[in-house]
N, C-alpha and C. Protein backbone atom coordinates (compact mmCIF):
# COMPACT_ATOMS: atom_id res chain seq x y z
N UNK A 1 120.77 177.48 121.02
CA UNK A 1 122.14 177.58 121.47
C UNK A 1 122.60 176.31 122.14
N UNK A 2 121.66 175.70 122.85
CA UNK A 2 121.98 174.47 123.55
C UNK A 2 122.39 173.38 122.57
N UNK A 3 121.72 173.31 121.45
CA UNK A 3 122.03 172.29 120.46
C UNK A 3 123.44 172.49 119.89
N UNK A 4 123.85 173.71 119.72
CA UNK A 4 125.17 173.97 119.17
C UNK A 4 126.25 173.52 120.15
N UNK A 5 126.02 173.72 121.45
CA UNK A 5 126.97 173.30 122.47
C UNK A 5 127.12 171.78 122.45
N UNK A 6 126.01 171.04 122.31
CA UNK A 6 126.07 169.57 122.25
C UNK A 6 126.84 169.11 121.01
N UNK A 7 126.63 169.77 119.89
CA UNK A 7 127.36 169.41 118.68
C UNK A 7 128.86 169.60 118.84
N UNK A 8 129.26 170.68 119.47
CA UNK A 8 130.69 170.94 119.67
C UNK A 8 131.29 169.89 120.59
N UNK A 9 130.60 169.54 121.67
CA UNK A 9 131.12 168.54 122.61
C UNK A 9 131.25 167.19 121.90
N UNK A 10 130.26 166.80 121.12
CA UNK A 10 130.32 165.50 120.41
C UNK A 10 131.43 165.50 119.37
N UNK A 11 131.66 166.60 118.68
CA UNK A 11 132.73 166.67 117.69
C UNK A 11 134.09 166.55 118.35
N UNK A 12 134.28 167.20 119.51
CA UNK A 12 135.55 167.11 120.24
C UNK A 12 135.78 165.68 120.71
N UNK A 13 134.76 165.01 121.23
CA UNK A 13 134.90 163.62 121.67
C UNK A 13 135.23 162.70 120.48
N UNK A 14 134.60 162.93 119.35
CA UNK A 14 134.87 162.12 118.17
C UNK A 14 136.32 162.27 117.72
N UNK A 15 136.82 163.48 117.66
CA UNK A 15 138.21 163.73 117.26
C UNK A 15 139.16 163.11 118.27
N UNK A 16 138.85 163.18 119.56
CA UNK A 16 139.72 162.59 120.58
C UNK A 16 139.79 161.08 120.42
N UNK A 17 138.66 160.45 120.18
CA UNK A 17 138.66 158.99 119.97
C UNK A 17 139.45 158.61 118.73
N UNK A 18 139.31 159.38 117.66
CA UNK A 18 140.03 159.10 116.44
C UNK A 18 141.53 159.22 116.66
N UNK A 19 141.98 160.23 117.41
CA UNK A 19 143.41 160.40 117.68
C UNK A 19 143.94 159.24 118.53
N UNK A 20 143.15 158.80 119.50
CA UNK A 20 143.58 157.68 120.33
C UNK A 20 143.76 156.44 119.46
N UNK A 21 142.83 156.17 118.58
CA UNK A 21 142.93 154.99 117.71
C UNK A 21 144.10 155.09 116.74
N UNK A 22 144.36 156.26 116.21
CA UNK A 22 145.44 156.42 115.23
C UNK A 22 146.80 156.24 115.89
N UNK A 23 147.02 156.85 117.06
CA UNK A 23 148.35 156.83 117.64
C UNK A 23 148.61 155.65 118.56
N UNK A 24 147.60 154.94 119.02
CA UNK A 24 147.85 153.79 119.88
C UNK A 24 147.49 152.47 119.22
N UNK A 25 146.98 152.48 118.03
CA UNK A 25 146.55 151.25 117.36
C UNK A 25 147.70 150.40 116.88
N UNK A 26 148.86 150.95 116.57
CA UNK A 26 149.98 150.19 116.02
C UNK A 26 151.13 150.18 117.01
N UNK A 27 151.69 149.00 117.20
CA UNK A 27 152.88 148.90 118.04
C UNK A 27 153.86 147.98 117.34
N UNK A 28 155.08 147.98 117.78
CA UNK A 28 156.13 147.19 117.15
C UNK A 28 155.97 145.71 117.45
N UNK A 29 155.18 145.33 118.43
CA UNK A 29 155.04 143.94 118.82
C UNK A 29 153.98 143.20 118.01
N UNK A 30 153.41 143.84 117.00
CA UNK A 30 152.36 143.21 116.21
C UNK A 30 152.90 142.35 115.07
N UNK A 31 154.13 141.94 115.09
CA UNK A 31 154.71 141.13 114.03
C UNK A 31 154.18 139.70 114.07
N UNK A 32 154.56 138.92 113.09
CA UNK A 32 154.12 137.53 113.00
C UNK A 32 154.91 136.71 114.01
N UNK A 33 154.21 135.92 114.78
CA UNK A 33 154.84 135.08 115.78
C UNK A 33 154.86 133.67 115.24
N UNK A 34 156.05 133.06 115.21
CA UNK A 34 156.18 131.69 114.73
C UNK A 34 156.34 130.75 115.91
N UNK A 35 155.81 129.55 115.74
CA UNK A 35 155.89 128.55 116.81
C UNK A 35 157.31 128.01 116.90
N UNK A 36 157.74 127.72 118.10
CA UNK A 36 159.07 127.14 118.31
C UNK A 36 158.93 125.63 118.44
N UNK A 37 159.84 124.88 117.83
CA UNK A 37 159.75 123.42 117.94
C UNK A 37 160.04 122.98 119.36
N UNK A 38 159.33 121.94 119.80
CA UNK A 38 159.51 121.42 121.14
C UNK A 38 159.95 119.97 121.05
N UNK A 39 160.74 119.57 121.97
CA UNK A 39 161.18 118.17 122.04
C UNK A 39 160.13 117.41 122.83
N UNK A 40 159.80 116.17 122.39
CA UNK A 40 158.79 115.40 123.13
C UNK A 40 159.32 115.02 124.50
N UNK A 41 158.48 115.14 125.47
CA UNK A 41 158.83 114.74 126.83
C UNK A 41 158.42 113.30 126.99
N UNK A 42 159.39 112.38 127.01
CA UNK A 42 159.11 110.94 127.01
C UNK A 42 158.53 110.47 128.33
N UNK A 43 159.11 110.84 129.42
CA UNK A 43 158.66 110.32 130.72
C UNK A 43 157.26 110.82 131.08
N UNK A 44 156.96 112.09 130.97
CA UNK A 44 155.60 112.52 131.32
C UNK A 44 154.56 111.94 130.37
N UNK A 45 154.91 111.71 129.11
CA UNK A 45 153.95 111.17 128.15
C UNK A 45 153.58 109.75 128.51
N UNK A 46 154.57 108.93 128.94
CA UNK A 46 154.26 107.55 129.33
C UNK A 46 153.35 107.52 130.55
N UNK A 47 153.62 108.39 131.50
CA UNK A 47 152.78 108.44 132.71
C UNK A 47 151.37 108.90 132.36
N UNK A 48 151.28 109.81 131.44
CA UNK A 48 149.96 110.31 131.04
C UNK A 48 149.20 109.22 130.28
N UNK A 49 149.91 108.41 129.46
CA UNK A 49 149.25 107.36 128.69
C UNK A 49 148.79 106.22 129.58
N UNK A 50 149.43 106.02 130.70
CA UNK A 50 149.00 104.95 131.60
C UNK A 50 147.63 105.28 132.19
N UNK A 51 147.39 106.55 132.44
CA UNK A 51 146.10 106.97 133.00
C UNK A 51 145.17 107.53 131.93
N UNK A 52 145.50 107.30 130.68
CA UNK A 52 144.76 107.94 129.57
C UNK A 52 143.37 107.35 129.42
N UNK A 53 142.51 108.16 128.95
CA UNK A 53 141.13 107.77 128.64
C UNK A 53 141.16 106.95 127.35
N UNK A 54 140.42 105.84 127.24
CA UNK A 54 140.44 105.08 126.00
C UNK A 54 139.87 105.86 124.82
N UNK A 55 139.10 106.91 125.10
CA UNK A 55 138.56 107.72 124.01
C UNK A 55 139.54 108.81 123.59
N UNK A 56 140.71 108.85 124.20
CA UNK A 56 141.69 109.89 123.91
C UNK A 56 142.23 109.70 122.50
N UNK A 57 142.52 110.80 121.80
CA UNK A 57 143.03 110.68 120.44
C UNK A 57 144.52 110.37 120.37
N UNK A 58 145.20 110.17 121.49
CA UNK A 58 146.64 109.88 121.46
C UNK A 58 146.86 108.39 121.64
N UNK A 59 147.84 107.87 120.92
CA UNK A 59 148.18 106.45 121.02
C UNK A 59 149.16 106.21 122.15
N UNK A 60 149.76 105.03 122.20
CA UNK A 60 150.69 104.67 123.27
C UNK A 60 152.02 105.39 123.13
N UNK A 61 152.38 105.81 121.94
CA UNK A 61 153.66 106.50 121.76
C UNK A 61 153.52 108.01 121.88
N UNK A 62 152.34 108.52 122.20
CA UNK A 62 152.15 109.95 122.34
C UNK A 62 151.80 110.62 121.02
N UNK A 63 151.77 109.85 119.94
CA UNK A 63 151.46 110.39 118.63
C UNK A 63 149.94 110.35 118.44
N UNK A 64 149.36 111.40 117.91
CA UNK A 64 147.91 111.38 117.71
C UNK A 64 147.51 110.25 116.76
N UNK A 65 146.40 109.59 117.06
CA UNK A 65 145.88 108.52 116.22
C UNK A 65 144.48 108.89 115.75
N UNK A 66 144.02 108.19 114.74
CA UNK A 66 142.69 108.43 114.19
C UNK A 66 141.70 107.52 114.91
N UNK A 67 140.71 108.10 115.49
CA UNK A 67 139.70 107.33 116.24
C UNK A 67 138.67 106.77 115.28
N UNK A 68 138.00 105.71 115.70
CA UNK A 68 136.96 105.10 114.89
C UNK A 68 135.75 106.02 114.83
N UNK A 69 135.05 105.97 113.73
CA UNK A 69 133.85 106.78 113.56
C UNK A 69 132.70 106.14 114.33
N UNK A 70 132.06 106.93 115.17
CA UNK A 70 130.93 106.42 115.94
C UNK A 70 129.74 107.35 115.73
N UNK A 71 128.59 106.80 115.90
CA UNK A 71 127.37 107.59 115.75
C UNK A 71 127.29 108.63 116.86
N UNK A 72 126.67 109.75 116.56
CA UNK A 72 126.55 110.82 117.54
C UNK A 72 125.76 110.35 118.75
N UNK A 73 124.77 109.48 118.54
CA UNK A 73 123.96 108.99 119.66
C UNK A 73 124.82 108.22 120.65
N UNK A 74 125.83 107.48 120.17
CA UNK A 74 126.73 106.74 121.06
C UNK A 74 127.61 107.70 121.86
N UNK A 75 128.08 108.75 121.23
CA UNK A 75 128.98 109.68 121.90
C UNK A 75 128.26 110.52 122.94
N UNK A 76 126.98 110.80 122.73
CA UNK A 76 126.26 111.66 123.66
C UNK A 76 125.45 110.88 124.67
N UNK A 77 125.56 109.58 124.67
CA UNK A 77 124.87 108.79 125.69
C UNK A 77 123.53 108.27 125.23
N UNK A 78 123.36 108.07 123.95
CA UNK A 78 122.12 107.48 123.45
C UNK A 78 121.19 108.52 122.87
N UNK A 79 120.33 108.05 121.99
CA UNK A 79 119.41 108.95 121.31
C UNK A 79 118.06 109.05 121.98
N UNK A 80 117.81 108.28 123.06
CA UNK A 80 116.49 108.28 123.69
C UNK A 80 116.22 109.60 124.40
N UNK A 81 117.25 110.24 124.94
CA UNK A 81 117.06 111.47 125.68
C UNK A 81 117.77 112.62 124.96
N UNK A 82 117.58 112.71 123.68
CA UNK A 82 118.22 113.76 122.91
C UNK A 82 117.65 115.11 123.31
N UNK A 83 118.51 116.11 123.32
CA UNK A 83 118.11 117.44 123.75
C UNK A 83 117.05 118.03 122.85
N UNK A 84 117.23 117.91 121.54
CA UNK A 84 116.29 118.47 120.60
C UNK A 84 115.54 117.38 119.85
N UNK A 85 115.35 116.24 120.45
CA UNK A 85 114.62 115.15 119.81
C UNK A 85 113.15 115.47 119.69
N UNK A 86 112.48 114.76 118.81
CA UNK A 86 111.05 115.00 118.62
C UNK A 86 110.26 114.06 119.51
N UNK A 87 109.18 114.57 120.02
CA UNK A 87 108.30 113.79 120.87
C UNK A 87 106.89 113.98 120.36
N UNK A 88 106.27 112.90 119.89
CA UNK A 88 104.92 112.99 119.36
C UNK A 88 103.94 112.61 120.47
N UNK A 89 103.11 113.56 120.85
CA UNK A 89 102.13 113.30 121.89
C UNK A 89 100.83 112.75 121.32
N UNK A 90 100.49 113.15 120.11
CA UNK A 90 99.26 112.68 119.48
C UNK A 90 99.56 111.46 118.61
N UNK A 91 98.61 110.56 118.49
CA UNK A 91 98.85 109.41 117.61
C UNK A 91 98.89 109.88 116.16
N UNK A 92 99.59 109.16 115.30
CA UNK A 92 99.67 109.59 113.90
C UNK A 92 98.29 109.55 113.25
N UNK A 93 98.07 110.49 112.35
CA UNK A 93 96.79 110.56 111.65
C UNK A 93 96.68 109.42 110.65
N UNK A 94 95.47 108.96 110.39
CA UNK A 94 95.32 107.90 109.39
C UNK A 94 95.64 108.45 108.01
N UNK A 95 96.12 107.59 107.17
CA UNK A 95 96.51 107.99 105.83
C UNK A 95 95.27 108.31 105.00
N UNK A 96 95.38 109.36 104.19
CA UNK A 96 94.26 109.75 103.33
C UNK A 96 94.18 108.85 102.11
N UNK A 97 95.28 108.19 101.79
CA UNK A 97 95.29 107.32 100.62
C UNK A 97 94.51 106.05 100.95
N UNK A 98 93.72 105.56 100.01
CA UNK A 98 92.98 104.32 100.27
C UNK A 98 93.95 103.15 100.34
N UNK A 99 93.52 102.13 101.06
CA UNK A 99 94.36 100.96 101.16
C UNK A 99 94.54 100.34 99.78
N UNK A 100 95.63 99.62 99.64
CA UNK A 100 95.95 99.02 98.35
C UNK A 100 94.87 98.01 97.98
N UNK A 101 94.16 98.30 96.94
CA UNK A 101 93.09 97.43 96.47
C UNK A 101 93.56 96.81 95.16
N UNK A 102 93.43 95.50 95.08
CA UNK A 102 93.83 94.84 93.85
C UNK A 102 92.83 95.16 92.75
N UNK A 103 93.34 95.70 91.67
CA UNK A 103 92.50 96.04 90.53
C UNK A 103 92.40 94.80 89.65
N UNK A 104 91.19 94.37 89.37
CA UNK A 104 91.08 93.18 88.52
C UNK A 104 91.59 93.49 87.12
N UNK A 105 92.22 92.53 86.48
CA UNK A 105 92.72 92.79 85.14
C UNK A 105 91.56 92.98 84.17
N UNK A 106 91.82 93.74 83.13
CA UNK A 106 90.80 93.96 82.12
C UNK A 106 90.45 92.64 81.44
N UNK A 107 89.19 92.44 81.14
CA UNK A 107 88.82 91.20 80.47
C UNK A 107 89.39 91.16 79.06
N UNK A 108 89.69 89.98 78.64
CA UNK A 108 90.24 89.82 77.30
C UNK A 108 89.13 90.06 76.27
N UNK A 109 89.44 90.87 75.30
CA UNK A 109 88.49 91.14 74.24
C UNK A 109 88.54 89.99 73.24
N UNK A 110 87.39 89.42 72.92
CA UNK A 110 87.42 88.33 71.94
C UNK A 110 87.81 88.88 70.57
N UNK A 111 88.40 88.05 69.75
CA UNK A 111 88.75 88.52 68.41
C UNK A 111 87.49 88.86 67.62
N UNK A 112 87.61 89.84 66.75
CA UNK A 112 86.47 90.27 65.94
C UNK A 112 86.05 89.13 65.02
N UNK A 113 84.81 88.61 65.16
CA UNK A 113 84.40 87.47 64.33
C UNK A 113 83.90 87.89 62.95
N UNK A 114 83.79 89.18 62.70
CA UNK A 114 83.20 89.65 61.45
C UNK A 114 84.28 90.18 60.51
N UNK A 115 84.00 90.01 59.22
CA UNK A 115 84.85 90.56 58.17
C UNK A 115 84.00 91.53 57.36
N UNK A 116 84.55 92.69 57.10
CA UNK A 116 83.82 93.72 56.35
C UNK A 116 83.77 93.34 54.87
N UNK A 117 82.57 93.40 54.29
CA UNK A 117 82.41 93.13 52.86
C UNK A 117 82.09 94.42 52.12
N UNK A 118 81.14 95.19 52.62
CA UNK A 118 80.76 96.43 51.94
C UNK A 118 79.73 97.19 52.74
N UNK A 119 79.29 98.35 52.19
CA UNK A 119 78.27 99.16 52.85
C UNK A 119 77.42 99.85 51.80
N UNK A 120 76.22 100.27 52.23
CA UNK A 120 75.30 100.95 51.32
C UNK A 120 74.46 101.90 52.15
N UNK A 121 74.18 103.08 51.59
CA UNK A 121 73.31 104.02 52.27
C UNK A 121 71.98 104.03 51.55
N UNK A 122 70.91 103.65 52.28
CA UNK A 122 69.59 103.66 51.67
C UNK A 122 68.62 104.33 52.63
N UNK A 123 67.84 105.25 52.12
CA UNK A 123 66.86 106.01 52.90
C UNK A 123 67.53 106.76 54.05
N UNK A 124 68.74 107.24 53.84
CA UNK A 124 69.45 108.03 54.84
C UNK A 124 70.08 107.20 55.94
N UNK A 125 69.97 105.88 55.88
CA UNK A 125 70.57 105.00 56.89
C UNK A 125 71.60 104.11 56.22
N UNK A 126 72.65 103.80 56.98
CA UNK A 126 73.70 102.93 56.47
C UNK A 126 73.35 101.48 56.74
N UNK A 127 73.67 100.65 55.76
CA UNK A 127 73.63 99.19 55.91
C UNK A 127 75.03 98.69 55.65
N UNK A 128 75.50 97.82 56.51
CA UNK A 128 76.86 97.29 56.37
C UNK A 128 76.74 95.79 56.16
N UNK A 129 77.51 95.28 55.20
CA UNK A 129 77.52 93.85 54.89
C UNK A 129 78.75 93.23 55.57
N UNK A 130 78.47 92.28 56.45
CA UNK A 130 79.52 91.61 57.20
C UNK A 130 79.48 90.12 56.92
N UNK A 131 80.65 89.48 57.02
CA UNK A 131 80.73 88.02 56.85
C UNK A 131 81.26 87.42 58.13
N UNK A 132 80.64 86.27 58.53
CA UNK A 132 81.13 85.51 59.66
C UNK A 132 81.13 84.06 59.20
N UNK A 133 82.35 83.57 58.95
CA UNK A 133 82.45 82.22 58.38
C UNK A 133 81.81 82.22 57.00
N UNK A 134 80.80 81.34 56.78
CA UNK A 134 80.10 81.26 55.50
C UNK A 134 78.84 82.12 55.48
N UNK A 135 78.47 82.76 56.58
CA UNK A 135 77.25 83.56 56.65
C UNK A 135 77.53 85.00 56.27
N UNK A 136 76.56 85.62 55.61
CA UNK A 136 76.62 87.04 55.28
C UNK A 136 75.51 87.74 56.04
N UNK A 137 75.85 88.82 56.72
CA UNK A 137 74.90 89.55 57.54
C UNK A 137 74.76 90.98 57.02
N UNK A 138 73.54 91.49 57.04
CA UNK A 138 73.29 92.89 56.72
C UNK A 138 72.87 93.53 58.04
N UNK A 139 73.68 94.48 58.53
CA UNK A 139 73.42 95.09 59.84
C UNK A 139 73.11 96.57 59.69
N UNK A 140 72.28 97.06 60.60
CA UNK A 140 71.92 98.47 60.66
C UNK A 140 72.21 98.98 62.07
N UNK A 141 72.03 100.28 62.25
CA UNK A 141 72.29 100.93 63.54
C UNK A 141 71.38 100.35 64.63
N UNK A 142 71.95 100.07 65.84
CA UNK A 142 71.27 99.54 67.03
C UNK A 142 70.71 98.14 66.85
N UNK A 143 71.22 97.37 65.91
CA UNK A 143 70.77 96.00 65.67
C UNK A 143 71.58 95.04 66.53
N UNK A 144 70.93 94.00 67.10
CA UNK A 144 71.61 92.99 67.91
C UNK A 144 71.85 91.77 67.03
N UNK A 145 73.11 91.27 67.07
CA UNK A 145 73.51 90.13 66.24
C UNK A 145 73.68 88.93 67.16
N UNK A 146 72.85 87.91 67.01
CA UNK A 146 72.91 86.64 67.74
C UNK A 146 72.96 86.82 69.27
N UNK A 147 72.49 87.90 69.81
CA UNK A 147 72.48 88.11 71.25
C UNK A 147 73.85 88.36 71.86
N UNK A 148 74.89 88.45 71.04
CA UNK A 148 76.24 88.66 71.57
C UNK A 148 76.83 90.02 71.18
N UNK A 149 76.45 90.56 70.04
CA UNK A 149 76.96 91.85 69.59
C UNK A 149 75.80 92.78 69.29
N UNK A 150 76.00 94.07 69.58
CA UNK A 150 75.03 95.09 69.20
C UNK A 150 75.76 96.15 68.39
N UNK A 151 75.16 96.57 67.29
CA UNK A 151 75.74 97.62 66.46
C UNK A 151 75.44 98.94 67.17
N UNK A 152 76.45 99.56 67.73
CA UNK A 152 76.27 100.81 68.48
C UNK A 152 76.08 101.99 67.53
N UNK A 153 76.94 102.08 66.52
CA UNK A 153 76.80 103.18 65.56
C UNK A 153 77.51 102.81 64.27
N UNK A 154 77.00 103.39 63.18
CA UNK A 154 77.65 103.26 61.88
C UNK A 154 77.97 104.67 61.43
N UNK A 155 79.20 105.06 61.60
CA UNK A 155 79.69 106.38 61.20
C UNK A 155 80.95 106.16 60.39
N UNK A 156 80.82 106.07 59.04
CA UNK A 156 82.02 105.84 58.24
C UNK A 156 83.10 106.84 58.61
N UNK A 157 84.28 106.38 58.83
CA UNK A 157 84.91 105.12 58.43
C UNK A 157 84.89 104.03 59.49
N UNK A 158 84.07 104.15 60.54
CA UNK A 158 84.07 103.15 61.61
C UNK A 158 82.68 102.58 61.86
N UNK A 159 82.66 101.30 62.18
CA UNK A 159 81.47 100.61 62.66
C UNK A 159 81.77 100.25 64.11
N UNK A 160 80.94 100.70 65.04
CA UNK A 160 81.17 100.44 66.46
C UNK A 160 80.24 99.34 66.92
N UNK A 161 80.84 98.27 67.48
CA UNK A 161 80.10 97.13 67.99
C UNK A 161 80.34 97.01 69.49
N UNK A 162 79.32 96.53 70.23
CA UNK A 162 79.45 96.29 71.67
C UNK A 162 79.31 94.79 71.88
N UNK A 163 80.32 94.18 72.53
CA UNK A 163 80.26 92.77 72.90
C UNK A 163 79.45 92.71 74.18
N UNK A 164 78.21 92.22 74.10
CA UNK A 164 77.24 92.32 75.19
C UNK A 164 77.61 91.56 76.46
N UNK A 165 78.19 90.34 76.43
CA UNK A 165 78.48 89.66 77.70
C UNK A 165 79.44 90.46 78.60
N UNK A 166 80.39 91.17 78.01
CA UNK A 166 81.36 91.93 78.82
C UNK A 166 81.22 93.44 78.66
N UNK A 167 80.30 93.87 77.82
CA UNK A 167 80.06 95.28 77.53
C UNK A 167 81.34 95.97 77.04
N UNK A 168 82.06 95.29 76.17
CA UNK A 168 83.29 95.84 75.59
C UNK A 168 82.98 96.42 74.22
N UNK A 169 83.58 97.57 73.95
CA UNK A 169 83.36 98.25 72.68
C UNK A 169 84.49 97.89 71.73
N UNK A 170 84.10 97.51 70.49
CA UNK A 170 85.07 97.20 69.45
C UNK A 170 84.70 98.01 68.21
N UNK A 171 85.71 98.36 67.43
CA UNK A 171 85.46 99.09 66.19
C UNK A 171 85.98 98.30 65.02
N UNK A 172 85.31 98.49 63.89
CA UNK A 172 85.69 97.82 62.65
C UNK A 172 85.79 98.90 61.59
N UNK A 173 86.88 98.91 60.85
CA UNK A 173 87.08 99.91 59.81
C UNK A 173 86.24 99.53 58.60
N UNK A 174 85.39 100.48 58.15
CA UNK A 174 84.53 100.20 56.99
C UNK A 174 84.81 101.17 55.84
N UNK A 175 85.84 101.97 55.93
CA UNK A 175 86.19 102.89 54.85
C UNK A 175 85.38 104.18 54.93
N UNK A 176 85.68 105.09 54.02
CA UNK A 176 85.04 106.41 54.05
C UNK A 176 83.62 106.34 53.51
N UNK A 177 82.90 107.45 53.60
CA UNK A 177 81.49 107.50 53.19
C UNK A 177 81.33 107.55 51.68
N UNK A 178 82.36 107.72 50.92
CA UNK A 178 82.26 107.82 49.44
C UNK A 178 81.98 106.51 48.79
């Protein structure tokens, strides 16, 4: 029974508030108010301009002027004591990136001194015929030529050579296995 009494009291209060809002919310004075034009007061404006702040937006004639753009730090008295400025108490951490190290340029690969003449497969191993100037060479897998080149592999269509002084790999096209 007690709950029903509370519900009735709250419903009566709600209806009373709604009636107050409906009947007192609108009045005849809620119309649009327009500004009335005013005549400039010449004498008080001159006296005010004599004591005017140089940062004031009004000029000497009382007409608003456009002020120069200034940094916020200048207007607030400097950036050293900024209200929300950052303050680093710990020293900055060292960079994880390595220091700039000069990478030496790649060595120049010498031009291929050999010219392919032909190839032959005998006893399951390839032999390749190469020419260097007037000399003809017969090379096999893992063979060293004049202490400067080593035949790394013979896998048609490529012959892989290693230039030993610089350990550079070069390939020579020798055609297909047919």
